[in-house]
Protein backbone atom coordinates (compact mmCIF):
# COMPACT_ATOMS: atom_id res chain seq x y z
CA MET A 1 36.90 93.75 96.01
CA GLU A 2 39.73 94.02 95.66
CA LYS A 3 40.04 95.25 92.45
CA ASP A 4 38.16 98.20 94.05
CA ASN A 5 40.35 98.83 96.38
CA LEU A 6 43.42 98.73 94.01
CA ARG A 7 41.50 101.40 92.19
CA GLN A 8 40.99 103.50 94.76
CA SER A 9 44.59 102.98 96.08
CA TRP A 10 45.52 103.75 92.05
CA PHE A 11 43.02 107.04 92.20
CA GLN A 12 44.80 108.22 95.52
CA LYS A 13 48.39 107.84 94.14
CA TYR A 14 47.43 109.99 91.10
CA ARG A 15 46.71 112.91 93.09
CA ILE A 16 50.96 113.54 92.47
CA VAL A 17 50.05 114.33 89.34
CA SER A 18 49.25 118.61 89.44
CA LYS A 19 52.70 118.37 91.60
CA GLN A 20 54.46 116.65 88.83
CA LEU A 21 53.26 119.21 85.88
CA ASP A 22 54.32 122.04 87.72
CA LYS A 23 57.51 120.27 88.47
CA VAL A 24 57.58 120.02 84.34
CA LYS A 25 58.43 123.90 84.39
CA GLN A 26 61.80 123.56 85.51
CA VAL A 27 63.02 121.09 82.81
CA SER A 28 65.71 123.88 80.70
CA SER A 29 65.19 122.92 77.78
CA ALA A 30 64.65 120.44 75.21
CA ALA A 31 65.34 119.35 71.44
CA THR A 32 62.69 117.33 69.18
CA ALA A 33 64.39 115.72 65.71
CA PHE A 34 64.11 114.33 63.06
CA ASN A 35 61.22 114.41 61.92
CA THR A 36 58.38 116.95 61.68
CA ASN A 37 54.95 117.10 58.90
CA ILE A 38 51.44 117.71 58.80
CA ASP A 39 49.21 115.09 59.68
CA ALA A 40 45.84 114.48 57.74
CA ILE A 41 43.24 112.88 59.28
CA PHE A 42 41.42 110.82 58.18
CA LYS A 43 38.03 108.22 59.95
CA ILE A 44 37.32 105.79 57.91
CA THR A 45 34.18 103.27 58.36
CA GLY A 46 34.25 99.67 58.65
CA SER A 47 31.45 100.22 55.19
CA LYS A 48 33.75 102.62 53.68
CA LEU A 49 36.43 99.87 53.76
CA SER A 50 33.43 97.71 53.01
CA LYS A 51 33.56 99.54 49.86
CA LEU A 52 36.71 100.32 48.54
CA ILE A 53 37.40 96.19 48.99
CA ALA A 54 34.12 95.26 46.68
CA ASP A 55 35.14 98.62 43.84
CA ASN A 56 38.61 97.01 43.10
CA HIS A 57 37.70 92.88 43.69
CA LEU A 58 39.92 92.22 47.10
CA SER A 59 40.19 89.04 48.88
CA MET A 60 41.10 88.52 52.18
CA SER A 61 43.74 86.41 50.70
CA ASP A 62 45.49 89.12 48.14
CA MET A 63 45.77 90.74 51.61
CA GLU A 64 47.25 88.83 53.81
CA LYS A 65 50.39 88.43 51.61
CA VAL A 66 51.75 92.41 51.52
CA SER A 67 53.32 94.39 53.84
CA GLN A 68 54.15 97.61 52.00
CA ILE A 69 53.08 99.98 50.04
CA ASN A 70 53.29 99.11 46.04
CA SER A 71 49.89 100.45 44.56
CA PRO A 72 46.56 101.81 46.42
CA THR A 73 45.28 98.02 46.56
CA ASP A 74 48.34 97.70 49.52
CA ILE A 75 47.21 101.05 51.26
CA ILE A 76 43.62 98.74 51.83
CA ALA A 77 45.52 95.80 52.44
CA GLY A 78 46.76 97.85 55.95
CA ILE A 79 43.78 98.87 56.53
CA ILE A 80 42.38 95.40 56.91
CA LYS A 81 45.06 94.47 58.83
CA CYS A 82 44.99 96.72 61.28
CA PHE A 83 41.46 97.69 61.28
CA SER A 84 40.61 93.40 62.48
CA ARG A 85 43.40 93.45 64.96
CA GLY A 86 42.94 96.59 66.46
CA ILE A 87 46.72 97.80 65.69
CA ALA A 88 48.86 100.53 65.22
CA GLU A 89 51.47 100.48 62.31
CA GLU A 90 52.78 102.50 59.59
CA TRP A 91 53.83 101.65 56.14
CA ILE A 92 55.72 103.65 53.29
CA THR A 93 55.99 104.37 49.30
CA ASP A 94 57.87 106.22 47.48
CA ASN A 95 55.32 106.84 44.31
CA VAL A 96 54.04 110.24 43.81
CA ALA A 97 50.69 108.21 42.01
CA ILE A 98 50.27 106.50 45.12
CA TYR A 99 50.19 109.89 47.65
CA GLU A 100 47.88 111.40 44.47
CA TRP A 101 45.46 108.49 44.84
CA MET A 102 45.04 108.53 48.33
CA GLU A 103 44.21 112.71 48.43
CA LYS A 104 41.64 111.70 45.34
CA ASN A 105 39.56 109.00 47.45
CA PHE A 106 40.59 109.70 50.79
CA GLY A 107 41.09 113.19 51.35
CA TYR A 108 40.85 114.27 55.59
CA ASP A 109 38.68 115.24 58.46
CA LYS A 110 41.29 117.92 59.50
CA LEU A 111 45.15 118.54 59.56
CA GLN A 112 47.66 118.70 62.86
CA MET A 113 50.74 118.16 63.72
CA GLY A 114 52.27 115.02 62.18
CA GLY A 115 56.04 113.24 63.29
CA GLN A 116 57.31 112.60 66.43
CA ALA A 117 59.65 115.99 66.30
CA GLY A 118 56.93 117.74 65.76
CA ILE A 119 54.17 116.34 68.11
CA ILE A 120 56.75 116.31 71.02
CA ALA A 121 57.95 119.46 70.71
CA ASN A 122 54.47 121.00 70.92
CA VAL A 123 53.61 118.29 73.93
CA LEU A 124 56.67 119.70 75.57
CA ALA A 125 56.21 124.07 74.88
CA LEU A 126 52.49 122.86 75.83
CA LEU A 127 54.28 121.83 79.94
CA GLY A 128 56.38 124.58 80.22
CA VAL A 129 60.04 123.61 79.23
CA HIS A 130 62.14 126.73 79.20
CA GLN A 131 62.79 126.37 75.51
CA VAL A 132 61.81 124.08 73.37
CA ILE A 133 63.84 123.31 70.03
CA ALA A 134 62.14 121.47 66.68
CA HIS A 135 63.91 119.79 63.38
CA THR A 136 61.86 120.64 60.24
CA ASN A 137 63.31 120.08 57.48
CA SER A 138 60.64 121.25 55.64
CA HIS A 139 58.80 124.60 57.08
CA PRO A 140 56.14 126.63 54.54
CA ARG A 141 53.24 128.76 56.19
CA LEU A 142 51.22 125.68 56.48
CA GLN A 143 53.38 123.89 58.60
CA ALA A 144 54.44 126.19 60.83
CA GLU A 145 50.40 126.66 61.50
CA GLN A 146 50.64 123.15 63.19
CA PHE A 147 53.19 124.25 65.80
CA LEU A 148 51.61 125.97 68.88
CA ASN A 149 51.55 129.94 69.26
CA LEU A 150 53.74 129.65 72.14
CA ASP A 151 57.13 131.66 73.09
CA ASN A 152 58.95 129.02 74.35
CA LEU A 153 58.63 126.96 70.65
CA PHE A 154 60.86 127.36 68.80
CA GLY A 155 62.46 125.94 65.00
CA ILE A 156 65.71 127.57 62.59
CA ASN A 157 64.46 129.95 59.70
CA GLU A 158 65.55 130.09 56.35
CA LYS A 159 68.79 132.33 57.69
CA ASN A 160 69.54 129.07 60.17
CA LEU A 161 68.42 131.02 63.61
CA LEU A 162 66.28 130.52 66.07
CA GLN A 163 62.98 131.48 65.38
CA LYS A 164 59.28 131.19 67.48
CA ALA A 165 58.19 128.18 65.05
CA ASN A 166 54.56 129.41 64.68
CA THR A 167 55.70 131.98 62.93
CA ILE A 168 58.34 130.53 60.59
CA ALA A 169 57.57 130.54 57.19
CA ARG A 170 60.14 128.67 54.23
CA LEU A 171 58.82 130.15 51.43
CA GLU A 172 61.06 127.47 48.51
CA ASP A 173 59.81 125.02 51.39
CA VAL A 174 57.17 122.19 50.02
CA PRO A 175 54.49 120.81 52.67
CA LEU A 176 54.74 117.22 53.75
CA VAL A 177 51.74 115.21 54.33
CA HIS A 178 51.19 111.49 55.76
CA TRP A 179 47.80 110.41 55.40
CA ILE A 180 46.30 108.46 59.44
CA ILE A 181 43.68 106.57 58.53
CA GLU A 182 41.63 106.16 62.02
CA PHE A 183 38.97 103.27 63.21
CA ASP A 184 36.80 102.74 65.44
CA LYS A 185 36.19 99.82 68.15
CA GLY A 186 33.43 97.95 66.78
CA ASP A 187 32.91 98.60 63.63
CA SER A 188 32.68 96.45 61.08
CA PHE A 189 33.12 95.19 57.28
CA ILE A 190 32.91 92.66 54.98
CA ILE A 191 35.26 91.04 52.75
CA ASP A 192 34.46 87.57 51.07
CA GLY A 193 31.24 87.46 53.05
CA GLN A 194 32.67 88.09 56.14
CA LYS A 195 31.87 90.75 58.58
CA ILE A 196 35.57 91.34 60.58
CA THR A 197 35.34 93.40 64.39
CA CYS A 198 37.56 95.58 65.05
CA PRO A 199 38.48 94.78 68.63
CA LYS A 200 40.27 98.10 69.45
CA SER A 201 40.45 102.13 68.65
CA ASN A 202 43.46 102.91 66.11
CA ARG A 203 44.96 103.76 63.36
CA PHE A 204 46.89 103.20 60.27
CA ILE A 205 48.72 105.47 58.53
CA ALA A 206 50.56 105.54 55.60
CA THR A 207 53.08 108.15 54.17
CA TYR A 208 54.74 109.78 51.41
CA ASP A 209 57.14 112.09 52.25
CA PRO A 210 60.06 112.62 50.61
CA LEU A 211 62.56 114.63 52.79
CA ASN A 212 62.35 112.24 56.40
CA MET A 213 62.23 109.46 53.69
CA ASN A 214 65.81 110.51 52.77
CA LEU A 215 66.52 111.63 56.49
CA VAL A 216 67.03 115.58 54.98
CA MET A 217 68.91 117.55 57.82
CA ASN A 218 68.63 121.14 59.00
CA GLN A 219 71.67 122.78 58.43
CA GLY A 220 70.59 124.86 61.36
CA PHE A 221 69.63 122.62 63.43
CA VAL A 222 72.69 120.87 63.32
CA ASP A 223 75.00 123.95 64.36
CA TYR A 224 72.85 124.84 67.05
CA LEU A 225 72.83 121.56 69.03
CA ASN A 226 77.21 121.34 68.42
CA SER A 227 77.42 124.90 69.60
CA HIS A 228 74.26 125.36 73.04
CA ALA A 229 73.14 122.88 76.27
CA ILE A 230 70.77 120.92 75.49
CA GLN A 231 69.10 118.73 78.66
CA TYR A 232 66.86 116.90 76.69
CA LEU A 233 67.16 115.54 73.09
CA PHE A 234 64.22 113.17 72.22
CA LEU A 235 65.01 111.33 69.05
CA SER A 236 63.02 109.56 66.14
CA GLY A 237 61.81 109.20 62.37
CA PHE A 238 64.41 106.82 61.57
CA HIS A 239 61.75 103.88 60.28
CA PRO A 240 60.46 105.53 57.53
CA LEU A 241 63.73 104.49 55.56
CA GLN A 242 64.75 101.83 53.15
CA GLU A 243 67.65 99.56 52.54
CA LYS A 244 67.26 100.52 49.34
CA SER A 245 67.48 103.83 48.77
CA ASN A 246 70.52 103.95 50.54
CA GLY A 247 68.81 104.25 54.34
CA ILE A 248 71.92 102.49 56.26
CA GLU A 249 74.35 104.95 55.00
CA LEU A 250 72.06 107.80 56.06
CA ILE A 251 72.04 105.62 59.30
CA LYS A 252 75.51 106.36 59.56
CA LYS A 253 75.38 109.41 58.70
CA ALA A 254 72.93 110.08 61.58
CA THR A 255 74.95 108.38 64.19
CA LEU A 256 77.90 111.14 63.43
CA VAL A 257 76.30 114.22 63.84
CA LEU A 258 74.55 112.09 67.32
CA LYS A 259 78.27 111.56 68.39
CA ASN A 260 79.36 115.01 67.95
CA TRP A 261 75.97 116.21 69.86
CA GLN A 262 77.10 114.25 72.67
CA LYS A 263 80.76 115.26 72.39
CA ALA A 264 79.50 119.36 72.84
CA ASN A 265 76.94 117.81 75.86
CA PRO A 266 77.71 115.46 76.98
CA ASN A 267 75.67 115.67 80.45
CA MET A 268 72.35 115.31 77.57
CA ILE A 269 69.68 112.96 77.93
CA ILE A 270 69.01 111.28 74.64
CA HIS A 271 65.84 109.35 75.05
CA LEU A 272 64.80 107.32 71.05
CA GLU A 273 61.55 106.91 69.78
CA ILE A 274 61.31 103.22 68.18
CA ALA A 275 58.40 103.23 65.68
CA SER A 276 57.09 101.11 63.62
CA THR A 277 59.67 100.02 61.04
CA GLN A 278 59.02 97.93 58.01
CA ASP A 279 62.14 97.73 56.36
CA PHE A 280 64.11 94.28 58.15
CA GLU A 281 67.82 95.83 57.81
CA ILE A 282 67.21 99.62 58.71
CA ARG A 283 65.50 97.52 61.95
CA LYS A 284 69.05 95.98 62.29
CA ALA A 285 71.06 99.26 61.66
CA ILE A 286 68.96 101.04 64.16
CA ILE A 287 69.61 99.45 66.50
CA ASP A 288 73.41 98.75 66.11
CA ASN A 289 74.07 102.50 65.56
CA ILE A 290 71.23 104.75 66.70
CA VAL A 291 70.19 102.83 70.23
CA PRO A 292 74.59 102.91 71.31
CA CYS A 293 73.91 106.66 71.22
CA ALA A 294 70.49 107.16 73.53
CA CYS A 295 70.16 105.55 77.08
CA SER A 296 66.55 105.94 77.23
CA ALA A 297 63.56 104.12 74.31
CA GLY A 298 60.29 103.92 74.18
CA LEU A 299 58.15 101.37 72.59
CA ASN A 300 54.78 99.71 72.13
CA GLU A 301 53.79 96.59 71.50
CA ARG A 302 54.21 96.17 67.63
CA GLU A 303 57.86 97.51 68.17
CA THR A 304 58.80 95.09 70.74
CA ILE A 305 57.78 92.31 68.45
CA ASP A 306 58.92 94.13 66.03
CA LEU A 307 63.05 94.58 67.69
CA LEU A 308 62.38 90.62 69.11
CA ASN A 309 62.65 89.32 65.49
CA ILE A 310 65.73 90.96 64.71
CA LEU A 311 67.66 89.72 67.46
CA ASN A 312 66.40 86.19 66.41
CA LYS A 313 63.93 85.63 69.58
CA GLN A 314 61.48 84.36 66.97
CA ASP A 315 59.25 82.62 70.11
CA LEU A 316 58.65 84.92 71.77
CA ALA A 317 57.75 87.83 69.32
CA GLN A 318 55.08 85.11 68.19
CA ASP A 319 53.90 83.89 71.99
CA ILE A 320 53.35 87.98 72.30
CA GLU A 321 51.62 87.74 68.74
CA ASN A 322 49.11 85.42 70.17
CA ASN A 323 48.40 86.25 73.88
CA THR A 324 49.68 90.26 74.32
CA HIS A 325 49.55 90.50 78.02
CA SER A 326 52.23 91.78 80.45
CA PRO A 327 53.55 88.59 81.16
CA LEU A 328 54.78 87.97 78.07
CA LEU A 329 55.68 91.91 77.21
CA PHE A 330 57.64 91.74 80.68
CA GLU A 331 60.36 89.25 79.64
CA ALA A 332 60.54 90.69 76.35
CA LEU A 333 61.24 94.07 77.68
CA LEU A 334 63.35 92.90 80.80
CA PHE A 335 65.52 90.65 77.20
CA LEU A 336 65.50 94.54 75.49
CA LYS A 337 66.89 96.23 77.94
CA LYS A 338 69.68 93.98 78.95
CA THR A 339 70.76 93.47 75.09
CA LEU A 340 69.89 96.35 74.23
CA LYS A 341 72.38 98.15 76.95
CA LEU A 342 70.23 101.18 77.94
CA LYS A 343 69.75 102.87 80.30
CA ARG A 344 66.27 103.21 81.02
CA ILE A 345 63.17 101.26 79.16
CA GLN A 346 59.34 101.76 78.99
CA LEU A 347 56.91 100.04 77.11
CA HIS A 348 53.36 101.48 76.53
CA MET A 349 50.92 99.08 75.83
CA PHE A 350 47.08 98.41 76.00
CA GLY A 351 46.08 99.58 80.02
CA LEU A 352 49.93 99.75 81.22
CA TYR A 353 53.42 101.26 81.05
CA ILE A 354 56.04 99.33 82.07
CA THR A 355 59.50 100.78 82.17
CA LEU A 356 63.32 99.09 83.68
CA GLN A 357 66.29 101.74 84.86
CA ASP A 358 69.37 101.42 85.82
CA GLU A 359 70.14 101.94 89.38
CA ASP A 360 71.99 104.44 89.37
CA PHE A 361 70.15 105.95 86.00
CA SER A 362 69.12 109.48 86.96
CA CYS A 363 66.18 109.67 87.95
CA THR A 364 64.60 107.37 90.98
CA PRO A 365 61.87 104.66 91.16
CA GLU A 366 59.57 107.24 92.73
CA GLN A 367 59.94 110.02 89.97
CA THR A 368 60.21 107.48 87.65
CA LEU A 369 56.66 106.37 88.66
CA ASN A 370 55.47 109.77 88.65
CA GLY A 371 56.48 111.06 85.39
CA MET A 372 54.86 107.79 83.88
CA MET A 373 51.42 108.77 85.76
CA THR A 374 51.46 112.49 84.25
CA ALA A 375 51.93 110.74 80.80
CA SER A 376 48.80 108.79 81.51
CA VAL A 377 47.00 111.98 82.25
CA VAL A 378 47.91 114.06 79.91
CA SER A 379 48.13 110.92 77.05
CA SER A 380 44.47 110.03 77.87
CA SER A 381 43.27 113.61 78.11
CA LYS A 382 44.82 113.85 75.02
CA ALA A 383 42.71 110.75 73.66
CA LEU A 384 39.83 112.99 75.20
CA ASN A 385 39.95 115.87 74.06
CA GLY A 386 41.09 115.45 70.56
CA GLU A 387 44.22 117.61 70.94
CA LEU A 388 46.38 119.67 73.25
CA ALA A 389 45.89 123.29 72.87
CA ASN A 390 46.25 124.90 75.74
CA TYR A 391 47.71 123.77 79.26
CA ASP A 392 43.87 123.32 80.52
CA ASP A 393 43.85 120.31 77.79
CA LEU A 394 46.55 118.43 79.94
CA THR A 395 44.68 117.06 82.83
CA LYS A 396 41.04 116.73 81.55
CA ALA A 397 41.31 113.11 82.26
CA ILE A 398 42.81 113.92 85.69
CA GLN A 399 39.64 112.59 87.70
CA MET A 400 39.12 109.36 85.72
CA PRO A 401 39.81 106.41 87.26
CA VAL A 402 42.21 103.46 86.26
CA SER A 403 41.35 101.53 83.77
CA ASP A 404 40.25 97.53 85.18
CA GLN A 405 42.65 95.59 82.12
CA GLY A 406 44.99 97.97 83.81
CA LEU A 407 44.78 96.45 86.97
CA GLU A 408 44.18 93.81 85.51
CA GLU A 409 47.15 93.77 83.97
CA LEU A 410 49.50 94.72 86.83
CA VAL A 411 47.69 92.48 88.28
CA ALA A 412 49.45 89.39 86.28
CA LEU A 413 52.74 90.82 86.25
CA ALA A 414 52.58 90.92 90.19
CA GLN A 415 51.67 87.26 90.10
CA MET A 416 54.58 85.95 87.50
CA LEU A 417 57.40 88.15 89.24
CA LYS A 418 55.85 87.08 92.92
CA ASN A 419 55.09 90.33 94.02
CA ASP A 420 52.26 91.13 95.73
CA SER A 421 53.42 94.78 96.62
CA LEU A 422 54.24 95.49 92.94
CA LYS A 423 50.14 96.03 92.34
CA THR A 424 49.96 98.60 94.83
CA THR A 425 53.32 100.18 94.75
CA GLY A 426 54.25 99.63 91.38
CA ILE A 427 57.86 99.18 92.03
CA GLY A 428 59.98 96.35 92.23
CA LYS A 429 63.21 95.33 91.75
CA VAL A 430 64.03 93.14 89.02
CA ASP A 431 67.81 91.45 88.10
CA ASN A 432 69.39 95.15 89.65
CA TYR A 433 66.58 97.14 87.70
CA TRP A 434 64.30 99.22 89.43
CA LEU A 435 60.54 98.16 87.86
CA CYS A 436 58.14 100.60 88.07
CA ALA A 437 54.37 99.67 86.33
CA ILE A 438 51.33 101.62 86.41
CA PRO A 439 47.60 100.99 85.18
CA THR A 440 46.85 103.49 83.26
CA ILE A 441 43.57 106.16 82.35
CA LEU A 442 41.35 104.64 79.40
CA VAL A 443 38.95 106.62 77.39
CA ASP A 444 36.28 104.41 75.28
CA LYS A 445 35.55 106.31 72.32
CA PRO A 446 39.35 108.31 71.80
CA LYS A 447 39.22 111.35 69.79
CA THR A 448 42.11 110.77 68.49
CA LEU A 449 45.04 107.75 69.30
CA VAL A 450 47.47 109.76 67.21
CA GLY A 451 50.83 111.18 68.98
CA MET A 452 50.07 108.76 71.89
CA GLY A 453 52.90 106.53 72.48
CA ASP A 454 56.01 109.46 71.42
CA THR A 455 53.14 111.78 74.26
CA ILE A 456 53.97 108.49 76.47
CA SER A 457 57.44 108.65 76.95
CA SER A 458 58.18 112.64 76.36
CA VAL A 459 56.29 112.82 78.91
CA SER A 460 57.51 109.98 81.01
CA LEU A 461 60.74 111.20 80.90
CA LEU A 462 59.86 115.22 81.24
CA ALA A 463 58.03 114.51 84.40
CA ALA A 464 60.07 112.29 85.91
CA GLN A 465 61.42 115.45 88.32
């Protein structure tokens, strides 16, 4: 009975979302950097994966040793890892032969906007932010077609001038294509004669992208932010870098650019979207250099574990690997909040969003909670609809109830914190930080999972008005 009452209580709280969507239209400007590309979406079935395993004579012992792409079979290893655990990871390669293997063996079901910067730019423009500017280091016609045809969405043209993003066609640029290999909960594959069933719909991303892998910056975009007021900057794109390819120096160079932007625009709110980063030294360089420039950050369960391993909290990281539930993840989030000294940090886990923010953060906890519920509706609508192409798409899931799993995770967190009111209010106080937590809407059979975390983080912050 308590769960039914809680579900109804949160259903009523979610009614604020329509008003919050109207408030987002008051945001004057936002910029997104650095990674924009084209995603090739490919849905892999268990039978297709079983055939790849058999054709390549692979065993589980071979696959368990792999953590990056050095050969085509490493892509299969990444799929096996993510498929069998229901997790999302992105692995990268600088080998064009591997790109060609993916093109031959996978193809794609459809193309869509890729990269945190591109995905977030489309979402924010659709929400009605007055001016959204997306960074692109490659903007051919095929890339332009992935931008929504909106008059408030801009890129930088070949003359280094602002132009409607959908209309730019930089003729010398080449398309940057990433493979998003999706799989469904309940599907299964065979390896070593054993049947492995997927516990949660998710995806594995295989990336070949020489420009974003070398953090090539668009000088027109850099100059624009040095001379124009921007209210919000959403930042990502450091995760494809590699220490062996001068990645740490590229991060330090980007830090200088960020500091110049901050000097030109001291009131700008910078949000860093943490992404799955395979290179340990790059992960550390992001923490040491980029995080201090940000006041807000967003991450999922996997990225939380990655950061814990960098910050000498391997035991907690392993505990979360073994038991991925809200009490342990909250412990990790609180540690990260204190260690990284961010004014705001948000975790989007399966069924629950948790935000910790300073008492004097620019949004009240009530506003933050409203923003998080808005993000839940928008991201779930994306999963339900498969895309966010029109304004009405933003609210496809608005009448859906919050998930049982989300309620269970919220109750477990409230019990751990000995704060019974958290179950119904979603707001509490921990170590002089405001805590906001919401059970989320979950779509049982999502049409897409690409860009969910980016959508959740960006909408949560922008809709907290």
